[in-house]
PDB file of N, CA and C in Angstrom:
ATOM      1  N   MET A   1      -9.898 -42.669 -27.816  1.00  0.00           N
ATOM      2  CA  MET A   1     -11.143 -41.847 -27.956  1.00  0.00           C
ATOM      3  C   MET A   1     -11.208 -41.041 -29.330  1.00  0.00           C
ATOM      4  N   ILE A   2     -12.353 -41.043 -29.851  1.00  0.00           N
ATOM      5  CA  ILE A   2     -12.756 -40.408 -31.182  1.00  0.00           C
ATOM      6  C   ILE A   2     -13.226 -38.898 -31.003  1.00  0.00           C
ATOM      7  N   GLN A   3     -12.836 -38.079 -31.916  1.00  0.00           N
ATOM      8  CA  GLN A   3     -13.372 -36.669 -31.710  1.00  0.00           C
ATOM      9  C   GLN A   3     -13.975 -36.436 -32.984  1.00  0.00           C
ATOM     10  N   LEU A   4     -15.154 -35.957 -32.849  1.00  0.00           N
ATOM     11  CA  LEU A   4     -15.841 -35.297 -33.904  1.00  0.00           C
ATOM     12  C   LEU A   4     -15.998 -33.845 -33.832  1.00  0.00           C
ATOM     13  N   ASP A   5     -15.786 -33.086 -34.881  1.00  0.00           N
ATOM     14  CA  ASP A   5     -16.102 -31.804 -34.869  1.00  0.00           C
ATOM     15  C   ASP A   5     -17.354 -31.401 -35.782  1.00  0.00           C
ATOM     16  N   LEU A   6     -18.289 -31.282 -35.060  1.00  0.00           N
ATOM     17  CA  LEU A   6     -19.598 -30.968 -35.741  1.00  0.00           C
ATOM     18  C   LEU A   6     -20.169 -29.455 -35.431  1.00  0.00           C
ATOM     19  N   ASN A   7     -20.926 -28.852 -36.307  1.00  0.00           N
ATOM     20  CA  ASN A   7     -21.142 -27.639 -36.045  1.00  0.00           C
ATOM     21  C   ASN A   7     -22.569 -27.944 -35.319  1.00  0.00           C
ATOM     22  N   GLU A   8     -23.344 -26.825 -35.064  1.00  0.00           N
ATOM     23  CA  GLU A   8     -24.687 -27.018 -34.139  1.00  0.00           C
ATOM     24  C   GLU A   8     -25.766 -27.826 -34.944  1.00  0.00           C
ATOM     25  N   ALA A   9     -25.824 -27.397 -36.240  1.00  0.00           N
ATOM     26  CA  ALA A   9     -26.790 -28.149 -37.187  1.00  0.00           C
ATOM     27  C   ALA A   9     -26.577 -29.631 -37.433  1.00  0.00           C
ATOM     28  N   GLU A  10     -25.239 -29.962 -37.539  1.00  0.00           N
ATOM     29  CA  GLU A  10     -24.793 -31.297 -37.600  1.00  0.00           C
ATOM     30  C   GLU A  10     -25.190 -32.257 -36.256  1.00  0.00           C
ATOM     31  N   LYS A  11     -24.922 -31.443 -35.300  1.00  0.00           N
ATOM     32  CA  LYS A  11     -25.023 -32.042 -34.080  1.00  0.00           C
ATOM     33  C   LYS A  11     -26.603 -32.291 -33.713  1.00  0.00           C
ATOM     34  N   ALA A  12     -27.343 -31.440 -34.288  1.00  0.00           N
ATOM     35  CA  ALA A  12     -28.804 -31.526 -33.894  1.00  0.00           C
ATOM     36  C   ALA A  12     -29.491 -32.567 -34.815  1.00  0.00           C
ATOM     37  N   TYR A  13     -28.936 -32.721 -35.904  1.00  0.00           N
ATOM     38  CA  TYR A  13     -29.324 -33.783 -37.047  1.00  0.00           C
ATOM     39  C   TYR A  13     -28.866 -35.295 -36.486  1.00  0.00           C
ATOM     40  N   LEU A  14     -27.661 -35.200 -35.845  1.00  0.00           N
ATOM     41  CA  LEU A  14     -27.177 -36.607 -35.456  1.00  0.00           C
ATOM     42  C   LEU A  14     -28.009 -37.027 -34.110  1.00  0.00           C
ATOM     43  N   ILE A  15     -28.329 -36.072 -33.326  1.00  0.00           N
ATOM     44  CA  ILE A  15     -29.365 -36.177 -32.051  1.00  0.00           C
ATOM     45  C   ILE A  15     -30.552 -36.654 -32.633  1.00  0.00           C
ATOM     46  N   GLU A  16     -31.249 -35.964 -33.521  1.00  0.00           N
ATOM     47  CA  GLU A  16     -32.471 -36.267 -33.974  1.00  0.00           C
ATOM     48  C   GLU A  16     -32.477 -37.856 -34.579  1.00  0.00           C
ATOM     49  N   THR A  17     -31.569 -38.041 -35.316  1.00  0.00           N
ATOM     50  CA  THR A  17     -31.267 -39.374 -36.052  1.00  0.00           C
ATOM     51  C   THR A  17     -31.165 -40.626 -34.927  1.00  0.00           C
ATOM     52  N   LEU A  18     -30.133 -40.202 -33.880  1.00  0.00           N
ATOM     53  CA  LEU A  18     -29.951 -41.301 -32.887  1.00  0.00           C
ATOM     54  C   LEU A  18     -31.404 -41.619 -32.097  1.00  0.00           C
ATOM     55  N   GLU A  19     -32.115 -40.449 -31.777  1.00  0.00           N
ATOM     56  CA  GLU A  19     -33.349 -40.667 -31.130  1.00  0.00           C
ATOM     57  C   GLU A  19     -34.381 -41.480 -31.894  1.00  0.00           C
ATOM     58  N   SER A  20     -34.514 -41.114 -33.137  1.00  0.00           N
ATOM     59  CA  SER A  20     -35.417 -41.888 -33.950  1.00  0.00           C
ATOM     60  C   SER A  20     -34.995 -43.284 -33.991  1.00  0.00           C
ATOM     61  N   TYR A  21     -33.749 -43.604 -34.376  1.00  0.00           N
ATOM     62  CA  TYR A  21     -33.333 -44.952 -34.445  1.00  0.00           C
ATOM     63  C   TYR A  21     -33.590 -45.684 -33.190  1.00  0.00           C
ATOM     64  N   LEU A  22     -33.290 -45.060 -32.122  1.00  0.00           N
ATOM     65  CA  LEU A  22     -33.390 -45.779 -30.779  1.00  0.00           C
ATOM     66  C   LEU A  22     -34.875 -46.243 -30.366  1.00  0.00           C
ATOM     67  N   SER A  23     -35.852 -45.280 -30.801  1.00  0.00           N
ATOM     68  CA  SER A  23     -37.047 -45.504 -30.586  1.00  0.00           C
ATOM     69  C   SER A  23     -37.563 -46.890 -31.447  1.00  0.00           C
ATOM     70  N   ASP A  24     -37.070 -46.928 -32.694  1.00  0.00           N
ATOM     71  CA  ASP A  24     -37.284 -48.187 -33.488  1.00  0.00           C
ATOM     72  C   ASP A  24     -36.669 -49.405 -33.031  1.00  0.00           C
ATOM     73  N   LEU A  25     -35.397 -49.071 -32.508  1.00  0.00           N
ATOM     74  CA  LEU A  25     -34.818 -50.268 -31.797  1.00  0.00           C
ATOM     75  C   LEU A  25     -35.330 -50.918 -30.757  1.00  0.00           C
ATOM     76  N   ARG A  26     -36.076 -50.173 -29.886  1.00  0.00           N
ATOM     77  CA  ARG A  26     -36.734 -50.685 -28.693  1.00  0.00           C
ATOM     78  C   ARG A  26     -37.786 -51.626 -29.091  1.00  0.00           C
ATOM     79  N   TYR A  27     -38.482 -51.039 -30.146  1.00  0.00           N
ATOM     80  CA  TYR A  27     -39.672 -52.150 -30.622  1.00  0.00           C
ATOM     81  C   TYR A  27     -38.990 -53.477 -31.403  1.00  0.00           C
ATOM     82  N   GLU A  28     -37.963 -53.334 -31.962  1.00  0.00           N
ATOM     83  CA  GLU A  28     -37.106 -54.497 -32.610  1.00  0.00           C
ATOM     84  C   GLU A  28     -36.797 -55.415 -31.517  1.00  0.00           C
ATOM     85  N   ILE A  29     -36.068 -54.766 -30.262  1.00  0.00           N
ATOM     86  CA  ILE A  29     -35.837 -55.583 -29.230  1.00  0.00           C
ATOM     87  C   ILE A  29     -37.034 -56.491 -28.598  1.00  0.00           C
ATOM     88  N   ALA A  30     -37.974 -55.624 -28.469  1.00  0.00           N
ATOM     89  CA  ALA A  30     -39.338 -56.336 -27.951  1.00  0.00           C
ATOM     90  C   ALA A  30     -39.760 -57.495 -28.853  1.00  0.00           C
ATOM     91  N   ASP A  31     -39.760 -57.333 -30.308  1.00  0.00           N
ATOM     92  CA  ASP A  31     -40.236 -58.374 -30.920  1.00  0.00           C
ATOM     93  C   ASP A  31     -39.337 -59.422 -31.610  1.00  0.00           C
ATOM     94  N   THR A  32     -38.059 -59.442 -30.933  1.00  0.00           N
ATOM     95  CA  THR A  32     -37.116 -60.419 -31.371  1.00  0.00           C
ATOM     96  C   THR A  32     -37.432 -61.682 -30.430  1.00  0.00           C
ATOM     97  N   ASP A  33     -37.278 -62.852 -31.168  1.00  0.00           N
ATOM     98  CA  ASP A  33     -37.502 -64.047 -30.415  1.00  0.00           C
ATOM     99  C   ASP A  33     -36.154 -64.627 -30.064  1.00  0.00           C
ATOM    100  N   SER A  34     -35.008 -64.492 -30.875  1.00  0.00           N
ATOM    101  CA  SER A  34     -33.788 -65.013 -30.348  1.00  0.00           C
ATOM    102  C   SER A  34     -33.220 -64.274 -29.364  1.00  0.00           C
ATOM    103  N   GLN A  35     -32.774 -65.044 -28.244  1.00  0.00           N
ATOM    104  CA  GLN A  35     -32.189 -64.553 -27.343  1.00  0.00           C
ATOM    105  C   GLN A  35     -30.937 -63.715 -27.429  1.00  0.00           C
ATOM    106  N   ASP A  36     -29.959 -64.427 -28.364  1.00  0.00           N
ATOM    107  CA  ASP A  36     -28.637 -64.006 -28.678  1.00  0.00           C
ATOM    108  C   ASP A  36     -28.808 -62.609 -29.429  1.00  0.00           C
ATOM    109  N   PHE A  37     -29.672 -62.666 -30.580  1.00  0.00           N
ATOM    110  CA  PHE A  37     -29.942 -61.372 -31.223  1.00  0.00           C
ATOM    111  C   PHE A  37     -30.424 -60.323 -30.343  1.00  0.00           C
ATOM    112  N   ARG A  38     -31.350 -60.661 -29.394  1.00  0.00           N
ATOM    113  CA  ARG A  38     -31.812 -59.627 -28.545  1.00  0.00           C
ATOM    114  C   ARG A  38     -30.740 -59.058 -27.684  1.00  0.00           C
ATOM    115  N   GLU A  39     -29.720 -59.832 -27.166  1.00  0.00           N
ATOM    116  CA  GLU A  39     -28.606 -59.370 -26.457  1.00  0.00           C
ATOM    117  C   GLU A  39     -27.761 -58.341 -27.365  1.00  0.00           C
ATOM    118  N   GLN A  40     -27.597 -58.874 -28.417  1.00  0.00           N
ATOM    119  CA  GLN A  40     -26.655 -57.896 -29.391  1.00  0.00           C
ATOM    120  C   GLN A  40     -27.417 -56.559 -29.671  1.00  0.00           C
ATOM    121  N   LEU A  41     -28.745 -56.565 -29.851  1.00  0.00           N
ATOM    122  CA  LEU A  41     -29.441 -55.332 -30.066  1.00  0.00           C
ATOM    123  C   LEU A  41     -29.338 -54.457 -28.675  1.00  0.00           C
ATOM    124  N   LYS A  42     -29.565 -54.961 -27.594  1.00  0.00           N
ATOM    125  CA  LYS A  42     -29.275 -54.370 -26.326  1.00  0.00           C
ATOM    126  C   LYS A  42     -28.036 -53.766 -26.228  1.00  0.00           C
ATOM    127  N   ALA A  43     -26.930 -54.392 -26.660  1.00  0.00           N
ATOM    128  CA  ALA A  43     -25.679 -53.878 -26.507  1.00  0.00           C
ATOM    129  C   ALA A  43     -25.620 -52.742 -27.343  1.00  0.00           C
ATOM    130  N   LYS A  44     -26.075 -52.676 -28.769  1.00  0.00           N
ATOM    131  CA  LYS A  44     -26.175 -51.618 -29.522  1.00  0.00           C
ATOM    132  C   LYS A  44     -26.838 -50.448 -28.992  1.00  0.00           C
ATOM    133  N   LYS A  45     -28.053 -50.730 -28.381  1.00  0.00           N
ATOM    134  CA  LYS A  45     -28.860 -49.613 -27.719  1.00  0.00           C
ATOM    135  C   LYS A  45     -28.051 -48.967 -26.751  1.00  0.00           C
ATOM    136  N   ALA A  46     -27.354 -49.799 -25.814  1.00  0.00           N
ATOM    137  CA  ALA A  46     -26.572 -49.122 -24.788  1.00  0.00           C
ATOM    138  C   ALA A  46     -25.554 -48.182 -25.376  1.00  0.00           C
ATOM    139  N   ALA A  47     -24.761 -48.568 -26.364  1.00  0.00           N
ATOM    140  CA  ALA A  47     -23.756 -47.931 -26.882  1.00  0.00           C
ATOM    141  C   ALA A  47     -24.366 -46.602 -27.550  1.00  0.00           C
ATOM    142  N   LEU A  48     -25.392 -46.753 -28.065  1.00  0.00           N
ATOM    143  CA  LEU A  48     -26.073 -45.507 -28.943  1.00  0.00           C
ATOM    144  C   LEU A  48     -26.569 -44.396 -28.032  1.00  0.00           C
ATOM    145  N   GLU A  49     -27.123 -45.109 -26.769  1.00  0.00           N
ATOM    146  CA  GLU A  49     -27.651 -44.232 -25.825  1.00  0.00           C
ATOM    147  C   GLU A  49     -26.392 -43.464 -25.166  1.00  0.00           C
ATOM    148  N   LYS A  50     -25.303 -44.098 -24.879  1.00  0.00           N
ATOM    149  CA  LYS A  50     -24.391 -43.267 -24.335  1.00  0.00           C
ATOM    150  C   LYS A  50     -23.711 -42.256 -25.267  1.00  0.00           C
ATOM    151  N   ALA A  51     -23.715 -42.527 -26.531  1.00  0.00           N
ATOM    152  CA  ALA A  51     -23.268 -41.390 -27.457  1.00  0.00           C
ATOM    153  C   ALA A  51     -24.465 -40.268 -27.520  1.00  0.00           C
ATOM    154  N   LEU A  52     -25.540 -40.662 -27.447  1.00  0.00           N
ATOM    155  CA  LEU A  52     -26.639 -39.645 -27.424  1.00  0.00           C
ATOM    156  C   LEU A  52     -26.649 -38.845 -26.297  1.00  0.00           C
ATOM    157  N   THR A  53     -26.261 -39.402 -25.129  1.00  0.00           N
ATOM    158  CA  THR A  53     -26.081 -38.551 -23.747  1.00  0.00           C
ATOM    159  C   THR A  53     -24.893 -37.697 -23.845  1.00  0.00           C
ATOM    160  N   PHE A  54     -23.804 -38.180 -24.385  1.00  0.00           N
ATOM    161  CA  PHE A  54     -22.658 -37.412 -24.658  1.00  0.00           C
ATOM    162  C   PHE A  54     -23.060 -36.020 -25.681  1.00  0.00           C
ATOM    163  N   LEU A  55     -23.671 -36.420 -26.694  1.00  0.00           N
ATOM    164  CA  LEU A  55     -23.999 -35.424 -27.700  1.00  0.00           C
ATOM    165  C   LEU A  55     -24.992 -34.146 -27.002  1.00  0.00           C
ATOM    166  N   LYS A  56     -25.905 -34.786 -26.268  1.00  0.00           N
ATOM    167  CA  LYS A  56     -26.842 -33.809 -25.492  1.00  0.00           C
ATOM    168  C   LYS A  56     -26.024 -32.834 -24.541  1.00  0.00           C
ATOM    169  N   GLN A  57     -25.287 -33.567 -23.860  1.00  0.00           N
ATOM    170  CA  GLN A  57     -24.408 -32.751 -22.838  1.00  0.00           C
ATOM    171  C   GLN A  57     -23.431 -31.758 -23.464  1.00  0.00           C
ATOM    172  N   SER A  58     -23.174 -31.829 -24.683  1.00  0.00           N
ATOM    173  CA  SER A  58     -22.078 -31.062 -25.255  1.00  0.00           C
ATOM    174  C   SER A  58     -22.960 -30.203 -26.072  1.00  0.00           C
ATOM    175  N   ALA A  59     -24.277 -30.134 -26.132  1.00  0.00           N
ATOM    176  CA  ALA A  59     -25.091 -29.313 -27.257  1.00  0.00           C
ATOM    177  C   ALA A  59     -25.271 -27.964 -26.333  1.00  0.00           C
TER     178      ALA A  59
END
């Protein structure tokens, strides 16, 4: 397990960045024609959503 020590401002910036990226990623997934690439993007989205959920719960 990885541990990050972030102050509240850093945590807020990271949450904001992840939310923005995830929003863009949803559009990229929808516009992707390659099934293999779409599955890779979905896996990335799931991992980032898990991290975001953890950050929000610890905020």
